[in-house]
């Protein structure tokens, strides 16, 4: 291990403790050569069905990180059910990922759901006002009808299988579920199974989305 061998220095001093904290801006070197931080990356992925929202998958199914061609160690920002599709963000920026998923910041997520039967206007009002689930009432949502059996929901909380459970609470069933927006980032025309790296302006917008 390079640390135990005394090959690593921080601010000019040899470090032998692997738990040694390193602050942003510290001069870290290995064998005298400076070590730079891994460049920050954020990727948008259009997740297909039967792909899991994990960094690795020991079973037969593909992990979502396999859809990205970058070299950075990326992790999903939140999750999508295995049978759900659409926009999933991947990043190596832990602080940004925490901001985007922490309930305190209430970053919006937009979903399109195809339903078993056409929802009534009363159903849509109930969804918008919040419905009672086994883990408590949901927060108000923005809900609109897209087609006879398709609705769009904008949520600012991220409970497990929340959209599906909300529709079940009003006596309906989700046939297909796709996330089309995460904060200011939209799925757009990104093909299913493909990914793209976000630009710095898009990353800055995500930080703005997650402001307290």
Protein backbone atom coordinates (compact mmCIF):
# COMPACT_ATOMS: atom_id res chain seq x y z
CA UNK A 1 0.00 0.00 0.00
CA UNK A 2 1.55 3.28 -1.06
CA UNK A 3 0.52 5.14 2.12
CA UNK A 4 2.08 2.63 4.53
CA UNK A 5 5.27 2.75 2.47
CA UNK A 6 5.59 6.49 3.08
CA UNK A 7 5.20 7.41 -0.58
CA UNK A 8 2.40 9.93 0.05
CA UNK A 9 2.85 13.48 1.34
CA UNK A 10 0.27 16.09 2.28
CA UNK A 11 1.49 19.69 2.50
CA UNK A 12 5.07 18.40 2.38
CA UNK A 13 4.71 15.90 5.23
CA UNK A 14 4.76 12.13 4.85
CA UNK A 15 1.41 10.52 5.65
CA UNK A 16 1.19 6.95 6.96
CA UNK A 17 -2.40 7.00 8.26
CA UNK A 18 -4.91 6.03 5.50
CA UNK A 19 -7.67 7.77 7.50
CA UNK A 20 -5.88 11.14 7.28
CA UNK A 21 -8.34 13.86 6.20
CA UNK A 22 -7.47 15.81 3.08
CA UNK A 23 -9.03 19.21 2.48
CA UNK A 24 -9.74 20.85 -0.86
CA UNK A 25 -6.62 22.67 -1.98
CA UNK A 26 -4.18 20.48 0.00
CA UNK A 27 -0.93 19.67 -1.81
CA UNK A 28 -1.09 15.88 -2.13
CA UNK A 29 1.79 14.06 -3.80
CA UNK A 30 2.81 10.48 -4.54
CA UNK A 31 6.53 9.93 -5.00
CA UNK A 32 6.85 13.69 -5.28
CA UNK A 33 4.34 14.06 -8.12
CA UNK A 34 1.16 16.09 -7.44
CA UNK A 35 -2.15 14.24 -7.35
CA UNK A 36 -5.14 16.03 -8.77
CA UNK A 37 -8.76 15.39 -7.87
CA UNK A 38 -10.85 13.31 -10.25
CA UNK A 39 -12.69 15.70 -12.58
CA UNK A 40 -16.32 16.23 -11.61
CA UNK A 41 -18.72 14.49 -13.97
CA UNK A 42 -22.49 14.32 -14.21
CA UNK A 43 -24.20 12.12 -16.80
CA UNK A 44 -27.81 11.80 -17.91
CA UNK A 45 -28.91 8.28 -18.80
CA UNK A 46 -32.14 7.10 -20.39
CA UNK A 47 -32.55 3.90 -18.38
CA UNK A 48 -34.25 1.00 -20.16
CA UNK A 49 -36.40 -1.53 -18.29
CA UNK A 50 -34.64 -4.40 -16.50
CA UNK A 51 -31.55 -2.27 -15.83
CA UNK A 52 -30.83 -1.74 -12.15
CA UNK A 53 -30.04 1.65 -10.59
CA UNK A 54 -26.79 0.57 -8.95
CA UNK A 55 -23.08 1.02 -9.54
CA UNK A 56 -22.67 -2.73 -10.00
CA UNK A 57 -24.96 -5.72 -10.35
CA UNK A 58 -23.76 -9.23 -9.46
CA UNK A 59 -26.77 -10.90 -11.10
CA UNK A 60 -27.84 -11.33 -14.70
CA UNK A 61 -29.18 -7.78 -15.15
CA UNK A 62 -27.11 -4.81 -16.30
CA UNK A 63 -26.16 -2.01 -13.93
CA UNK A 64 -26.95 1.50 -15.13
CA UNK A 65 -23.30 2.58 -14.94
CA UNK A 66 -22.59 0.17 -17.80
CA UNK A 67 -24.50 2.55 -20.09
CA UNK A 68 -21.88 5.29 -19.62
CA UNK A 69 -18.60 5.30 -21.52
CA UNK A 70 -16.70 7.62 -19.14
CA UNK A 71 -13.72 6.53 -17.03
CA UNK A 72 -14.83 8.13 -13.74
CA UNK A 73 -16.30 6.06 -10.90
CA UNK A 74 -19.93 7.09 -11.15
CA UNK A 75 -22.84 6.44 -8.82
CA UNK A 76 -26.58 6.84 -9.44
CA UNK A 77 -28.31 9.90 -7.98
CA UNK A 78 -31.29 8.21 -6.36
CA UNK A 79 -33.03 5.28 -7.98
CA UNK A 80 -35.54 4.17 -10.55
CA UNK A 81 -37.43 0.90 -10.19
CA UNK A 82 -36.10 -1.91 -12.35
CA UNK A 83 -39.29 -1.87 -14.42
CA UNK A 84 -39.34 1.95 -14.72
CA UNK A 85 -37.53 3.84 -17.48
CA UNK A 86 -36.23 7.30 -18.23
CA UNK A 87 -33.92 9.91 -16.79
CA UNK A 88 -31.36 8.88 -14.22
CA UNK A 89 -28.38 11.02 -13.24
CA UNK A 90 -24.96 9.56 -12.48
CA UNK A 91 -22.11 11.47 -10.86
CA UNK A 92 -18.86 11.22 -8.94
CA UNK A 93 -19.74 14.36 -6.95
CA UNK A 94 -21.02 13.10 -3.61
CA UNK A 95 -22.08 16.50 -2.32
CA UNK A 96 -24.17 17.24 -5.39
CA UNK A 97 -25.78 13.79 -5.23
CA UNK A 98 -26.67 14.35 -1.58
CA UNK A 99 -28.20 17.75 -2.32
CA UNK A 100 -30.28 16.41 -5.18
CA UNK A 101 -31.74 13.52 -3.16
CA UNK A 102 -32.07 14.98 0.35
CA UNK A 103 -35.71 15.76 1.25
CA UNK A 104 -34.65 19.12 2.70
CA UNK A 105 -33.94 20.52 -0.76
CA UNK A 106 -37.10 19.22 -2.44
CA UNK A 107 -35.65 18.95 -5.95
CA UNK A 108 -38.46 18.20 -8.40
CA UNK A 109 -38.75 14.98 -10.38
CA UNK A 110 -41.16 14.70 -13.30
CA UNK A 111 -42.80 11.43 -14.31
CA UNK A 112 -45.09 10.27 -17.13
CA UNK A 113 -47.34 7.36 -16.14
CA UNK A 114 -49.49 5.24 -18.43
CA UNK A 115 -52.44 3.89 -16.45
CA UNK A 116 -54.64 0.83 -16.55
CA UNK A 117 -57.78 2.98 -16.93
CA UNK A 118 -58.48 6.68 -17.59
CA UNK A 119 -58.28 8.67 -14.34
CA UNK A 120 -61.21 10.84 -13.31
CA UNK A 121 -60.84 14.54 -12.57
CA UNK A 122 -61.47 13.67 -8.93
CA UNK A 123 -58.56 11.23 -9.02
CA UNK A 124 -56.27 13.93 -10.42
CA UNK A 125 -57.34 16.39 -7.72
CA UNK A 126 -56.66 13.81 -5.00
CA UNK A 127 -53.19 13.14 -6.40
CA UNK A 128 -52.44 16.87 -6.55
CA UNK A 129 -53.60 17.47 -2.98
CA UNK A 130 -51.80 14.43 -1.56
CA UNK A 131 -52.98 10.92 -0.77
CA UNK A 132 -52.58 8.72 2.30
CA UNK A 133 -49.98 5.95 2.00
CA UNK A 134 -48.89 3.43 4.61
CA UNK A 135 -45.86 5.59 5.43
CA UNK A 136 -47.88 8.80 5.72
CA UNK A 137 -49.62 11.33 3.45
CA UNK A 138 -47.81 12.52 0.34
CA UNK A 139 -46.96 16.16 -0.22
CA UNK A 140 -48.95 18.15 -2.80
CA UNK A 141 -47.91 17.44 -6.38
CA UNK A 142 -48.39 19.02 -9.79
CA UNK A 143 -50.58 16.69 -11.84
CA UNK A 144 -51.89 17.04 -15.38
CA UNK A 145 -53.50 14.77 -17.94
CA UNK A 146 -51.37 14.10 -21.04
CA UNK A 147 -53.65 11.62 -22.83
CA UNK A 148 -56.69 9.53 -21.98
CA UNK A 149 -54.67 7.09 -19.89
CA UNK A 150 -51.46 9.09 -19.39
CA UNK A 151 -50.68 11.60 -16.65
CA UNK A 152 -47.68 13.71 -15.69
CA UNK A 153 -46.72 14.11 -12.02
CA UNK A 154 -44.13 16.48 -10.58
CA UNK A 155 -43.01 15.38 -7.11
CA UNK A 156 -40.64 16.97 -4.62
CA UNK A 157 -40.19 13.89 -2.46
CA UNK A 158 -38.75 10.51 -3.34
CA UNK A 159 -40.33 7.63 -1.48
CA UNK A 160 -39.97 4.04 -2.62
CA UNK A 161 -42.22 3.32 -5.62
CA UNK A 162 -44.13 6.49 -4.78
CA UNK A 163 -45.84 7.16 -8.12
CA UNK A 164 -47.10 3.59 -8.37
CA UNK A 165 -48.40 3.64 -4.80
CA UNK A 166 -50.10 7.01 -5.28
CA UNK A 167 -52.00 5.71 -8.29
CA UNK A 168 -52.96 2.56 -6.41
CA UNK A 169 -54.29 4.78 -3.60
CA UNK A 170 -56.84 6.27 -6.02
CA UNK A 171 -57.85 2.87 -7.37
CA UNK A 172 -55.71 2.77 -10.52
CA UNK A 173 -52.58 0.96 -11.69
CA UNK A 174 -49.43 2.08 -13.47
CA UNK A 175 -48.79 0.12 -16.66
CA UNK A 176 -45.62 2.01 -17.64
CA UNK A 177 -43.63 4.67 -15.81
CA UNK A 178 -40.98 6.99 -17.24
CA UNK A 179 -39.08 9.80 -15.56
CA UNK A 180 -38.68 12.73 -17.93
CA UNK A 181 -37.20 15.41 -15.68
CA UNK A 182 -34.89 15.80 -12.68
CA UNK A 183 -34.73 19.38 -11.50
CA UNK A 184 -33.80 21.53 -14.50
CA UNK A 185 -32.53 18.56 -16.53
CA UNK A 186 -34.96 16.94 -18.96
CA UNK A 187 -34.78 13.65 -20.80
CA UNK A 188 -35.37 15.33 -24.15
CA UNK A 189 -34.72 13.13 -27.18
CA UNK A 190 -31.96 11.04 -25.56
CA UNK A 191 -32.51 7.51 -26.94
CA UNK A 192 -33.29 4.68 -24.53
CA UNK A 193 -30.10 3.01 -23.33
CA UNK A 194 -27.94 6.01 -24.27
CA UNK A 195 -26.16 8.59 -22.09
CA UNK A 196 -24.69 12.06 -22.39
CA UNK A 197 -22.35 14.06 -20.19
CA UNK A 198 -23.82 17.27 -18.79
CA UNK A 199 -22.11 20.59 -19.47
CA UNK A 200 -20.90 22.91 -16.74
CA UNK A 201 -23.90 25.19 -17.20
CA UNK A 202 -26.27 22.27 -16.67
CA UNK A 203 -24.37 21.21 -13.55
CA UNK A 204 -24.58 24.78 -12.25
CA UNK A 205 -28.35 24.67 -12.80
CA UNK A 206 -28.58 21.49 -10.74
CA UNK A 207 -26.78 23.25 -7.88
CA UNK A 208 -29.32 26.05 -8.15
CA UNK A 209 -32.14 23.50 -8.09
CA UNK A 210 -30.77 22.21 -4.79
CA UNK A 211 -30.43 25.55 -3.03
CA UNK A 212 -32.05 25.58 0.45
